[in-house]
């Protein structure tokens, strides 16, 4: 994926999180930790998915729990990282 398209990022995240959590559907605003969509083990799987799917590297200092609060916030975080890496085109 070469572009930071927010809607496409959200759809890929929701699909992955639905499979990870066993939920049928994950909304943009569902609280990922509070609603138990992700736990500590799933969090690691989510990081691996994000790095692989969106071709970005997340260093430990890049990871702030508030960026993982819901799909919309996480999508914005990913889009920013993609733009910073210089590979995203508009």
N, C-alpha and C. Protein backbone atom coordinates (compact mmCIF):
# COMPACT_ATOMS: atom_id res chain seq x y z
N UNK A 1 0.86 -1.18 0.00
CA UNK A 1 0.00 0.00 0.00
C UNK A 1 0.89 1.23 0.00
N UNK A 2 0.74 2.05 -1.02
CA UNK A 2 1.63 3.20 -1.17
C UNK A 2 0.99 4.52 -0.80
N UNK A 3 -0.28 4.55 -0.59
CA UNK A 3 -0.93 5.83 -0.31
C UNK A 3 -1.55 5.84 1.08
N UNK A 4 -1.63 7.03 1.62
CA UNK A 4 -2.22 7.19 2.96
C UNK A 4 -3.69 7.55 2.79
N UNK A 5 -4.49 6.63 2.30
CA UNK A 5 -5.91 6.84 2.09
C UNK A 5 -6.66 6.42 3.36
N UNK A 6 -7.19 7.39 4.10
CA UNK A 6 -7.81 7.08 5.39
C UNK A 6 -8.91 6.02 5.33
N UNK A 7 -9.78 6.08 4.32
CA UNK A 7 -10.86 5.09 4.25
C UNK A 7 -10.35 3.69 4.01
N UNK A 8 -9.35 3.56 3.15
CA UNK A 8 -8.77 2.25 2.87
C UNK A 8 -8.04 1.71 4.11
N UNK A 9 -7.33 2.58 4.79
CA UNK A 9 -6.65 2.18 6.02
C UNK A 9 -7.68 1.68 7.04
N UNK A 10 -8.77 2.42 7.23
CA UNK A 10 -9.81 2.02 8.18
C UNK A 10 -10.40 0.67 7.83
N UNK A 11 -10.70 0.44 6.56
CA UNK A 11 -11.30 -0.83 6.15
C UNK A 11 -10.37 -2.00 6.40
N UNK A 12 -9.09 -1.83 6.10
CA UNK A 12 -8.12 -2.89 6.35
C UNK A 12 -7.99 -3.17 7.85
N UNK A 13 -7.96 -2.10 8.66
CA UNK A 13 -7.88 -2.27 10.10
C UNK A 13 -9.11 -2.98 10.65
N UNK A 14 -10.29 -2.55 10.21
CA UNK A 14 -11.53 -3.15 10.72
C UNK A 14 -11.63 -4.62 10.36
N UNK A 15 -11.23 -4.96 9.17
CA UNK A 15 -11.24 -6.36 8.75
C UNK A 15 -10.29 -7.19 9.61
N UNK A 16 -9.07 -6.69 9.80
CA UNK A 16 -8.09 -7.42 10.62
C UNK A 16 -8.58 -7.55 12.06
N UNK A 17 -9.06 -6.47 12.63
CA UNK A 17 -9.51 -6.48 14.03
C UNK A 17 -10.72 -7.36 14.23
N UNK A 18 -11.61 -7.42 13.26
CA UNK A 18 -12.77 -8.31 13.36
C UNK A 18 -12.31 -9.76 13.43
N UNK A 19 -11.38 -10.12 12.57
CA UNK A 19 -10.84 -11.48 12.60
C UNK A 19 -10.08 -11.79 13.87
N UNK A 20 -9.33 -10.83 14.33
CA UNK A 20 -8.52 -10.99 15.53
C UNK A 20 -9.39 -11.18 16.77
N UNK A 21 -10.47 -10.43 16.83
CA UNK A 21 -11.31 -10.44 18.03
C UNK A 21 -12.48 -11.41 17.95
N UNK A 22 -12.77 -11.90 16.75
CA UNK A 22 -13.92 -12.78 16.58
C UNK A 22 -15.23 -12.02 16.48
N UNK A 23 -15.15 -10.70 16.38
CA UNK A 23 -16.35 -9.88 16.24
C UNK A 23 -16.76 -9.88 14.78
N UNK A 24 -18.04 -9.76 14.56
CA UNK A 24 -18.54 -9.71 13.20
C UNK A 24 -18.18 -8.42 12.50
N UNK A 25 -18.32 -7.33 13.23
CA UNK A 25 -18.07 -6.02 12.66
C UNK A 25 -17.42 -5.13 13.71
N UNK A 26 -16.46 -4.36 13.28
CA UNK A 26 -15.78 -3.41 14.15
C UNK A 26 -16.04 -2.02 13.57
N UNK A 27 -16.57 -1.12 14.37
CA UNK A 27 -16.88 0.23 13.90
C UNK A 27 -15.67 1.14 14.06
N UNK A 28 -15.74 2.31 13.42
CA UNK A 28 -14.65 3.29 13.49
C UNK A 28 -14.41 3.78 14.91
N UNK A 29 -15.46 3.84 15.70
CA UNK A 29 -15.36 4.48 17.02
C UNK A 29 -15.33 3.50 18.19
N UNK A 30 -15.36 2.21 17.93
CA UNK A 30 -15.34 1.25 19.05
C UNK A 30 -14.01 1.38 19.79
N UNK A 31 -14.08 1.38 21.10
CA UNK A 31 -12.89 1.51 21.94
C UNK A 31 -12.15 0.18 21.94
N UNK A 32 -11.00 0.14 21.30
CA UNK A 32 -10.30 -1.12 21.04
C UNK A 32 -9.88 -1.86 22.31
N UNK A 33 -9.43 -1.14 23.30
CA UNK A 33 -8.98 -1.79 24.54
C UNK A 33 -10.15 -1.93 25.50
N UNK A 34 -10.92 -0.88 25.68
CA UNK A 34 -12.04 -0.90 26.62
C UNK A 34 -13.09 -1.95 26.24
N UNK A 35 -13.30 -2.15 24.94
CA UNK A 35 -14.29 -3.12 24.46
C UNK A 35 -13.67 -4.50 24.23
N UNK A 36 -12.42 -4.65 24.66
CA UNK A 36 -11.69 -5.92 24.57
C UNK A 36 -11.55 -6.44 23.14
N UNK A 37 -11.40 -5.50 22.19
CA UNK A 37 -11.10 -5.90 20.82
C UNK A 37 -9.64 -6.36 20.76
N UNK A 38 -8.77 -5.67 21.50
CA UNK A 38 -7.38 -6.09 21.58
C UNK A 38 -6.95 -6.21 23.03
N UNK A 39 -6.11 -7.20 23.28
CA UNK A 39 -5.48 -7.36 24.59
C UNK A 39 -3.97 -7.31 24.35
N UNK A 40 -3.19 -7.64 25.34
CA UNK A 40 -1.74 -7.49 25.20
C UNK A 40 -1.16 -8.38 24.10
N UNK A 41 -1.64 -9.60 23.96
CA UNK A 41 -1.14 -10.48 22.90
C UNK A 41 -1.60 -10.00 21.53
N UNK A 42 -2.87 -9.64 21.43
CA UNK A 42 -3.40 -9.14 20.17
C UNK A 42 -2.74 -7.83 19.77
N UNK A 43 -2.32 -7.05 20.75
CA UNK A 43 -1.65 -5.79 20.47
C UNK A 43 -0.37 -6.03 19.67
N UNK A 44 0.38 -7.05 20.06
CA UNK A 44 1.60 -7.39 19.34
C UNK A 44 1.25 -7.82 17.91
N UNK A 45 0.22 -8.63 17.76
CA UNK A 45 -0.21 -9.05 16.43
C UNK A 45 -0.65 -7.85 15.59
N UNK A 46 -1.31 -6.91 16.21
CA UNK A 46 -1.75 -5.70 15.51
C UNK A 46 -0.55 -4.89 15.03
N UNK A 47 0.47 -4.74 15.85
CA UNK A 47 1.68 -4.01 15.47
C UNK A 47 2.33 -4.69 14.26
N UNK A 48 2.44 -6.00 14.30
CA UNK A 48 3.03 -6.74 13.19
C UNK A 48 2.21 -6.55 11.91
N UNK A 49 0.89 -6.61 12.04
CA UNK A 49 0.01 -6.38 10.89
C UNK A 49 0.21 -4.98 10.31
N UNK A 50 0.22 -3.98 11.16
CA UNK A 50 0.37 -2.59 10.70
C UNK A 50 1.69 -2.41 9.96
N UNK A 51 2.77 -2.92 10.53
CA UNK A 51 4.08 -2.77 9.88
C UNK A 51 4.11 -3.48 8.52
N UNK A 52 3.54 -4.65 8.46
CA UNK A 52 3.54 -5.43 7.23
C UNK A 52 2.59 -4.85 6.18
N UNK A 53 1.38 -4.57 6.57
CA UNK A 53 0.35 -4.12 5.64
C UNK A 53 0.60 -2.72 5.10
N UNK A 54 1.07 -1.83 5.96
CA UNK A 54 1.21 -0.43 5.58
C UNK A 54 2.66 -0.02 5.33
N UNK A 55 3.57 -0.99 5.40
CA UNK A 55 4.98 -0.77 5.09
C UNK A 55 5.59 0.37 5.90
N UNK A 56 5.31 0.36 7.20
CA UNK A 56 5.90 1.34 8.10
C UNK A 56 6.59 0.60 9.23
N UNK A 57 7.51 1.27 9.89
CA UNK A 57 8.19 0.70 11.05
C UNK A 57 7.74 1.47 12.28
N UNK A 58 7.31 0.73 13.29
CA UNK A 58 6.89 1.34 14.55
C UNK A 58 7.96 1.05 15.60
N UNK A 59 8.65 2.07 15.99
CA UNK A 59 9.65 1.94 17.05
C UNK A 59 8.93 2.05 18.39
N UNK A 60 9.49 1.47 19.44
CA UNK A 60 8.83 1.55 20.75
C UNK A 60 8.45 2.97 21.17
N UNK A 61 9.29 3.95 20.85
CA UNK A 61 8.98 5.33 21.23
C UNK A 61 7.86 5.94 20.39
N UNK A 62 7.53 5.30 19.25
CA UNK A 62 6.43 5.76 18.39
C UNK A 62 5.07 5.35 18.94
N UNK A 63 5.06 4.35 19.78
CA UNK A 63 3.81 3.72 20.20
C UNK A 63 3.28 4.39 21.47
N UNK A 64 2.13 5.03 21.31
CA UNK A 64 1.44 5.67 22.42
C UNK A 64 0.04 5.09 22.47
N UNK A 65 -0.38 4.62 23.61
CA UNK A 65 -1.65 3.91 23.75
C UNK A 65 -2.82 4.74 23.24
N UNK A 66 -2.75 6.06 23.37
CA UNK A 66 -3.87 6.89 22.90
C UNK A 66 -4.03 6.82 21.39
N UNK A 67 -2.98 6.49 20.64
CA UNK A 67 -3.10 6.33 19.19
C UNK A 67 -3.84 5.06 18.81
N UNK A 68 -4.02 4.17 19.78
CA UNK A 68 -4.69 2.89 19.54
C UNK A 68 -6.06 2.84 20.21
N UNK A 69 -6.63 3.99 20.49
CA UNK A 69 -7.90 4.03 21.23
C UNK A 69 -9.07 3.52 20.40
N UNK A 70 -9.12 3.86 19.12
CA UNK A 70 -10.21 3.40 18.25
C UNK A 70 -9.68 3.35 16.81
N UNK A 71 -10.48 2.81 15.91
CA UNK A 71 -10.05 2.63 14.53
C UNK A 71 -9.73 3.97 13.86
N UNK A 72 -10.56 4.97 14.08
CA UNK A 72 -10.33 6.27 13.45
C UNK A 72 -9.01 6.89 13.89
N UNK A 73 -8.75 6.87 15.18
CA UNK A 73 -7.51 7.43 15.71
C UNK A 73 -6.30 6.64 15.21
N UNK A 74 -6.41 5.34 15.21
CA UNK A 74 -5.33 4.48 14.73
C UNK A 74 -5.08 4.71 13.24
N UNK A 75 -6.13 4.85 12.48
CA UNK A 75 -6.01 5.12 11.05
C UNK A 75 -5.28 6.44 10.80
N UNK A 76 -5.61 7.46 11.56
CA UNK A 76 -4.92 8.75 11.43
C UNK A 76 -3.44 8.62 11.77
N UNK A 77 -3.14 7.86 12.82
CA UNK A 77 -1.75 7.61 13.22
C UNK A 77 -0.98 6.93 12.09
N UNK A 78 -1.57 5.91 11.49
CA UNK A 78 -0.92 5.19 10.40
C UNK A 78 -0.71 6.10 9.20
N UNK A 79 -1.73 6.89 8.86
CA UNK A 79 -1.60 7.81 7.72
C UNK A 79 -0.46 8.80 7.95
N UNK A 80 -0.34 9.32 9.16
CA UNK A 80 0.76 10.25 9.47
C UNK A 80 2.11 9.56 9.31
N UNK A 81 2.21 8.33 9.80
CA UNK A 81 3.47 7.59 9.68
C UNK A 81 3.81 7.33 8.22
N UNK A 82 2.81 7.02 7.42
CA UNK A 82 3.04 6.76 6.00
C UNK A 82 3.51 8.03 5.29
N UNK A 83 2.93 9.15 5.63
CA UNK A 83 3.34 10.42 5.02
C UNK A 83 4.76 10.79 5.42
N UNK A 84 5.11 10.53 6.67
CA UNK A 84 6.46 10.86 7.17
C UNK A 84 7.54 10.01 6.52
N UNK A 85 7.20 8.77 6.20
CA UNK A 85 8.23 7.90 5.63
C UNK A 85 8.57 8.30 4.21
N UNK A 86 7.72 9.16 3.61
CA UNK A 86 8.01 9.68 2.29
C UNK A 86 7.51 8.81 1.15
N UNK A 87 6.90 7.67 1.48
CA UNK A 87 6.42 6.77 0.43
C UNK A 87 4.98 7.03 0.03
N UNK A 88 4.27 7.82 0.80
CA UNK A 88 2.87 8.07 0.48
C UNK A 88 2.76 9.16 -0.58
N UNK A 89 1.87 8.92 -1.53
CA UNK A 89 1.66 9.88 -2.60
C UNK A 89 0.23 10.38 -2.56
N UNK A 90 0.05 11.61 -2.88
CA UNK A 90 -1.29 12.19 -2.91
C UNK A 90 -1.72 12.39 -4.31
